[in-house]
Amino acid sequence: MLEAQQLSARRGFARLFTDLSFRVAPGEALVVSGANGAGKTTLLRILAGLTAPSSGGMHWNGRRYSPFDPLLRGALAFSGHLPALKDELTAEENLESLLALDGEKVAVASVRKALDDVALARQRTLPARVLSQGQRRRIGLARLALLRRALWILDEPLTALDAAGAALLTRMLTGHLASGGLAVAATHAPLGLPESRTRALVLGG
């Protein structure tokens, strides 16, 4: 269970949101929307423990956590707005590096299968600098598939994905929720998830 209690955030002198409270239960996805500058990315970074709110608190399974708290690290897979790849590394090397940063040791065969599953088998040995933005995004999808984390926090996960990539993301999210996982996603576009598993949060609305 992920719970936010009376969260508030500011950017400089501007108030982004205040007294924001919600819960996300196993098998649920919270879809966050709102105009540019409404605070969607800020909220996701607060929930991911990457920055602190102006006020309020976050709880994971009933325990309060703070920024960079190891309580959340082993349960969280965070995907930011940018792919966070190194241009000089290959797709395979980037995926291995991302997993290592997550503290995961994954067999080479599993890494290659994950890339194959996201239609990057032929691009596996190419440096990231020659990949399209959509292909770079697919490396992130392969990372999600290999991480065994209960909570996914995704910032604009559909950015640069074509129709096939968006459908793949929907299948992955649906499977994650069906297995008892949780997700929070900020997006301007529909994720195609079952309504029974989706809750909406509109910032600034």
Foldseek 3Di string as FASTA:
>chain_A
DKWWAFFWAADVPRTLDTGDIDDAFFLAEEEEEEDPPSCQQVVLCCSQLNDPTPDTFMDDPRHTDHRPGPVCLLAEDEADPALPADQAAFLLVRLCVVCVVSVDDDDSVLSLVLCVVLVCNVRRRPGNNPDFRQSSLSSVVSSVVPRPHQEYEEEASCPPHDPVNLVVQLVVVNVSSVVGGYYYYYHPDDSPHDPVRYDYDYRPD
